[in-house]
C-alpha atoms as a PDB file:
ATOM      1  CA  UNK A   1     -45.587 266.654 133.845  1.00  0.00           C
ATOM      2  CA  UNK A   2     -47.563 269.585 135.192  1.00  0.00           C
ATOM      3  CA  UNK A   3     -44.547 271.924 135.121  1.00  0.00           C
ATOM      4  CA  UNK A   4     -43.863 271.174 131.446  1.00  0.00           C
ATOM      5  CA  UNK A   5     -45.519 273.331 128.818  1.00  0.00           C
ATOM      6  CA  UNK A   6     -47.037 271.253 126.022  1.00  0.00           C
ATOM      7  CA  UNK A   7     -47.374 272.507 122.454  1.00  0.00           C
ATOM      8  CA  UNK A   8     -49.487 271.258 119.552  1.00  0.00           C
ATOM      9  CA  UNK A   9     -48.130 270.527 116.090  1.00  0.00           C
ATOM     10  CA  UNK A  10     -50.554 270.089 113.220  1.00  0.00           C
ATOM     11  CA  UNK A  11     -49.927 269.799 109.478  1.00  0.00           C
ATOM     12  CA  UNK A  12     -51.247 272.792 107.555  1.00  0.00           C
ATOM     13  CA  UNK A  13     -53.539 270.599 105.444  1.00  0.00           C
ATOM     14  CA  UNK A  14     -55.268 269.445 108.644  1.00  0.00           C
ATOM     15  CA  UNK A  15     -55.574 273.056 109.825  1.00  0.00           C
ATOM     16  CA  UNK A  16     -57.123 273.996 106.457  1.00  0.00           C
ATOM     17  CA  UNK A  17     -59.451 270.986 106.605  1.00  0.00           C
ATOM     18  CA  UNK A  18     -60.511 271.962 110.110  1.00  0.00           C
ATOM     19  CA  UNK A  19     -61.106 275.550 109.014  1.00  0.00           C
ATOM     20  CA  UNK A  20     -63.054 274.617 105.865  1.00  0.00           C
ATOM     21  CA  UNK A  21     -65.447 272.138 107.489  1.00  0.00           C
ATOM     22  CA  UNK A  22     -66.945 274.853 109.723  1.00  0.00           C
ATOM     23  CA  UNK A  23     -68.383 278.309 109.241  1.00  0.00           C
ATOM     24  CA  UNK A  24     -65.666 281.005 109.434  1.00  0.00           C
ATOM     25  CA  UNK A  25     -66.143 281.799 113.131  1.00  0.00           C
ATOM     26  CA  UNK A  26     -66.596 278.155 114.151  1.00  0.00           C
ATOM     27  CA  UNK A  27     -63.439 277.260 112.219  1.00  0.00           C
ATOM     28  CA  UNK A  28     -61.452 279.836 114.174  1.00  0.00           C
ATOM     29  CA  UNK A  29     -62.875 278.530 117.448  1.00  0.00           C
ATOM     30  CA  UNK A  30     -62.115 274.899 116.504  1.00  0.00           C
ATOM     31  CA  UNK A  31     -58.507 275.686 115.586  1.00  0.00           C
ATOM     32  CA  UNK A  32     -58.039 277.827 118.694  1.00  0.00           C
ATOM     33  CA  UNK A  33     -59.419 275.079 120.933  1.00  0.00           C
ATOM     34  CA  UNK A  34     -57.093 272.530 119.333  1.00  0.00           C
ATOM     35  CA  UNK A  35     -53.980 274.638 119.914  1.00  0.00           C
ATOM     36  CA  UNK A  36     -54.902 276.126 123.315  1.00  0.00           C
ATOM     37  CA  UNK A  37     -57.275 273.748 125.080  1.00  0.00           C
ATOM     38  CA  UNK A  38     -55.674 270.427 124.117  1.00  0.00           C
ATOM     39  CA  UNK A  39     -52.356 271.185 125.910  1.00  0.00           C
ATOM     40  CA  UNK A  40     -54.332 272.138 129.030  1.00  0.00           C
ATOM     41  CA  UNK A  41     -56.479 268.971 129.050  1.00  0.00           C
ATOM     42  CA  UNK A  42     -53.842 266.411 128.012  1.00  0.00           C
ATOM     43  CA  UNK A  43     -51.812 266.322 131.268  1.00  0.00           C
ATOM     44  CA  UNK A  44     -54.807 264.837 133.091  1.00  0.00           C
ATOM     45  CA  UNK A  45     -54.575 261.681 130.951  1.00  0.00           C
ATOM     46  CA  UNK A  46     -50.817 261.608 130.281  1.00  0.00           C
ATOM     47  CA  UNK A  47     -48.575 259.243 132.256  1.00  0.00           C
ATOM     48  CA  UNK A  48     -47.386 260.832 135.509  1.00  0.00           C
ATOM     49  CA  UNK A  49     -43.770 259.702 135.182  1.00  0.00           C
ATOM     50  CA  UNK A  50     -41.838 259.639 131.909  1.00  0.00           C
ATOM     51  CA  UNK A  51     -40.486 256.295 130.823  1.00  0.00           C
ATOM     52  CA  UNK A  52     -36.782 255.634 131.391  1.00  0.00           C
ATOM     53  CA  UNK A  53     -36.524 254.217 127.896  1.00  0.00           C
ATOM     54  CA  UNK A  54     -38.558 255.140 124.852  1.00  0.00           C
ATOM     55  CA  UNK A  55     -41.184 252.540 124.025  1.00  0.00           C
ATOM     56  CA  UNK A  56     -41.309 250.928 120.600  1.00  0.00           C
ATOM     57  CA  UNK A  57     -44.861 252.070 120.032  1.00  0.00           C
ATOM     58  CA  UNK A  58     -46.542 255.389 120.710  1.00  0.00           C
ATOM     59  CA  UNK A  59     -49.831 255.666 122.536  1.00  0.00           C
ATOM     60  CA  UNK A  60     -52.416 257.161 120.209  1.00  0.00           C
ATOM     61  CA  UNK A  61     -54.842 259.418 122.041  1.00  0.00           C
ATOM     62  CA  UNK A  62     -58.289 260.183 120.657  1.00  0.00           C
ATOM     63  CA  UNK A  63     -60.320 263.308 121.207  1.00  0.00           C
ATOM     64  CA  UNK A  64     -63.420 265.038 119.933  1.00  0.00           C
ATOM     65  CA  UNK A  65     -65.234 268.354 119.991  1.00  0.00           C
ATOM     66  CA  UNK A  66     -68.095 268.700 122.462  1.00  0.00           C
ATOM     67  CA  UNK A  67     -70.156 270.862 120.103  1.00  0.00           C
ATOM     68  CA  UNK A  68     -69.617 269.017 116.785  1.00  0.00           C
ATOM     69  CA  UNK A  69     -69.281 265.324 115.813  1.00  0.00           C
ATOM     70  CA  UNK A  70     -65.628 265.608 114.751  1.00  0.00           C
ATOM     71  CA  UNK A  71     -62.871 263.522 116.294  1.00  0.00           C
ATOM     72  CA  UNK A  72     -59.098 263.635 116.073  1.00  0.00           C
ATOM     73  CA  UNK A  73     -56.145 261.390 116.885  1.00  0.00           C
ATOM     74  CA  UNK A  74     -52.828 262.560 118.282  1.00  0.00           C
ATOM     75  CA  UNK A  75     -49.611 261.303 119.864  1.00  0.00           C
ATOM     76  CA  UNK A  76     -47.259 262.832 122.392  1.00  0.00           C
ATOM     77  CA  UNK A  77     -43.569 262.996 121.510  1.00  0.00           C
ATOM     78  CA  UNK A  78     -41.630 264.826 124.189  1.00  0.00           C
ATOM     79  CA  UNK A  79     -43.512 268.017 124.987  1.00  0.00           C
ATOM     80  CA  UNK A  80     -45.269 268.182 121.618  1.00  0.00           C
ATOM     81  CA  UNK A  81     -48.719 266.814 120.834  1.00  0.00           C
ATOM     82  CA  UNK A  82     -48.817 265.840 117.150  1.00  0.00           C
ATOM     83  CA  UNK A  83     -52.318 265.783 115.623  1.00  0.00           C
ATOM     84  CA  UNK A  84     -52.428 262.920 113.120  1.00  0.00           C
ATOM     85  CA  UNK A  85     -55.913 262.879 111.631  1.00  0.00           C
ATOM     86  CA  UNK A  86     -59.462 264.186 111.804  1.00  0.00           C
ATOM     87  CA  UNK A  87     -62.412 261.791 111.622  1.00  0.00           C
ATOM     88  CA  UNK A  88     -66.184 261.714 112.014  1.00  0.00           C
ATOM     89  CA  UNK A  89     -67.109 260.923 115.604  1.00  0.00           C
ATOM     90  CA  UNK A  90     -70.057 258.763 116.519  1.00  0.00           C
ATOM     91  CA  UNK A  91     -71.364 257.884 119.962  1.00  0.00           C
ATOM     92  CA  UNK A  92     -69.681 254.476 119.912  1.00  0.00           C
ATOM     93  CA  UNK A  93     -66.109 255.799 119.701  1.00  0.00           C
ATOM     94  CA  UNK A  94     -64.275 256.109 123.009  1.00  0.00           C
ATOM     95  CA  UNK A  95     -62.242 259.280 123.431  1.00  0.00           C
ATOM     96  CA  UNK A  96     -59.656 260.495 125.932  1.00  0.00           C
ATOM     97  CA  UNK A  97     -60.201 264.266 125.584  1.00  0.00           C
ATOM     98  CA  UNK A  98     -63.263 266.412 124.859  1.00  0.00           C
ATOM     99  CA  UNK A  99     -62.596 269.937 123.571  1.00  0.00           C
ATOM    100  CA  UNK A 100     -65.069 272.778 123.845  1.00  0.00           C
ATOM    101  CA  UNK A 101     -66.571 271.999 127.210  1.00  0.00           C
ATOM    102  CA  UNK A 102     -65.431 275.375 128.531  1.00  0.00           C
ATOM    103  CA  UNK A 103     -66.841 277.624 125.793  1.00  0.00           C
ATOM    104  CA  UNK A 104     -67.716 280.375 128.254  1.00  0.00           C
ATOM    105  CA  UNK A 105     -63.986 280.706 129.059  1.00  0.00           C
ATOM    106  CA  UNK A 106     -62.984 280.972 125.397  1.00  0.00           C
ATOM    107  CA  UNK A 107     -61.461 284.203 124.199  1.00  0.00           C
ATOM    108  CA  UNK A 108     -59.585 284.670 120.926  1.00  0.00           C
ATOM    109  CA  UNK A 109     -55.846 284.505 121.455  1.00  0.00           C
ATOM    110  CA  UNK A 110     -53.561 286.743 119.472  1.00  0.00           C
ATOM    111  CA  UNK A 111     -50.664 284.962 117.820  1.00  0.00           C
ATOM    112  CA  UNK A 112     -48.088 287.203 116.216  1.00  0.00           C
ATOM    113  CA  UNK A 113     -46.421 285.569 113.248  1.00  0.00           C
ATOM    114  CA  UNK A 114     -42.741 286.134 112.641  1.00  0.00           C
ATOM    115  CA  UNK A 115     -41.653 287.210 109.172  1.00  0.00           C
ATOM    116  CA  UNK A 116     -40.368 283.701 108.381  1.00  0.00           C
ATOM    117  CA  UNK A 117     -43.675 282.094 109.490  1.00  0.00           C
ATOM    118  CA  UNK A 118     -45.631 284.594 107.401  1.00  0.00           C
ATOM    119  CA  UNK A 119     -43.406 283.991 104.352  1.00  0.00           C
ATOM    120  CA  UNK A 120     -43.770 280.208 104.751  1.00  0.00           C
ATOM    121  CA  UNK A 121     -47.547 280.582 105.065  1.00  0.00           C
ATOM    122  CA  UNK A 122     -47.767 282.680 101.871  1.00  0.00           C
ATOM    123  CA  UNK A 123     -45.438 280.305 100.014  1.00  0.00           C
ATOM    124  CA  UNK A 124     -47.580 277.321 101.019  1.00  0.00           C
ATOM    125  CA  UNK A 125     -50.769 279.159 100.058  1.00  0.00           C
ATOM    126  CA  UNK A 126     -49.461 280.051  96.600  1.00  0.00           C
ATOM    127  CA  UNK A 127     -48.187 276.504  96.019  1.00  0.00           C
ATOM    128  CA  UNK A 128     -51.545 275.069  97.097  1.00  0.00           C
ATOM    129  CA  UNK A 129     -53.448 277.318  94.711  1.00  0.00           C
ATOM    130  CA  UNK A 130     -51.194 276.390  91.792  1.00  0.00           C
ATOM    131  CA  UNK A 131     -50.840 272.665  92.504  1.00  0.00           C
ATOM    132  CA  UNK A 132     -52.749 270.079  90.540  1.00  0.00           C
ATOM    133  CA  UNK A 133     -54.785 267.912  92.967  1.00  0.00           C
ATOM    134  CA  UNK A 134     -53.787 264.685  91.240  1.00  0.00           C
ATOM    135  CA  UNK A 135     -50.058 265.317  91.634  1.00  0.00           C
ATOM    136  CA  UNK A 136     -50.089 266.907  95.103  1.00  0.00           C
ATOM    137  CA  UNK A 137     -47.778 265.383  97.703  1.00  0.00           C
ATOM    138  CA  UNK A 138     -49.225 263.588 100.665  1.00  0.00           C
ATOM    139  CA  UNK A 139     -48.670 265.246 104.062  1.00  0.00           C
ATOM    140  CA  UNK A 140     -45.968 262.677 104.852  1.00  0.00           C
ATOM    141  CA  UNK A 141     -43.935 263.765 101.809  1.00  0.00           C
ATOM    142  CA  UNK A 142     -44.088 267.493 102.573  1.00  0.00           C
ATOM    143  CA  UNK A 143     -41.237 269.316 104.247  1.00  0.00           C
ATOM    144  CA  UNK A 144     -41.275 270.071 107.967  1.00  0.00           C
ATOM    145  CA  UNK A 145     -41.963 273.779 107.365  1.00  0.00           C
ATOM    146  CA  UNK A 146     -45.562 272.942 106.480  1.00  0.00           C
ATOM    147  CA  UNK A 147     -46.313 272.018 110.083  1.00  0.00           C
ATOM    148  CA  UNK A 148     -47.875 274.668 112.253  1.00  0.00           C
ATOM    149  CA  UNK A 149     -46.573 274.838 115.817  1.00  0.00           C
ATOM    150  CA  UNK A 150     -48.246 277.171 118.303  1.00  0.00           C
END
């Protein structure tokens, strides 16, 4: 498992929710920690050997931020960690991963968007601004291009 590079996939509505619940700089740090720190911390709790056959149920992992009472749930499918939801963390909830414990090591990472990613981002932004909240699709009904993979 250690030789495999893990990636994080997160629906754009969750990324926006994560960005909007913090101040601008904290939102950037929270998103960056989710996409960069989670793949580094997950192998410590992941099974050492892959299963010969896929199980019928997925293990749901739970994590939280060290510096803010916000938790998240995610699953591992192959080499991708799929973030499912964000939730308010309290001291009673057990978690597998804690993000933000290495803040002194944090540096902003540059991610260069391709033209297709940029076009998809602008298309989603314009649709979001024009959509009526009562008729908006749930994340499960959206197309796959609304997921952000870094």
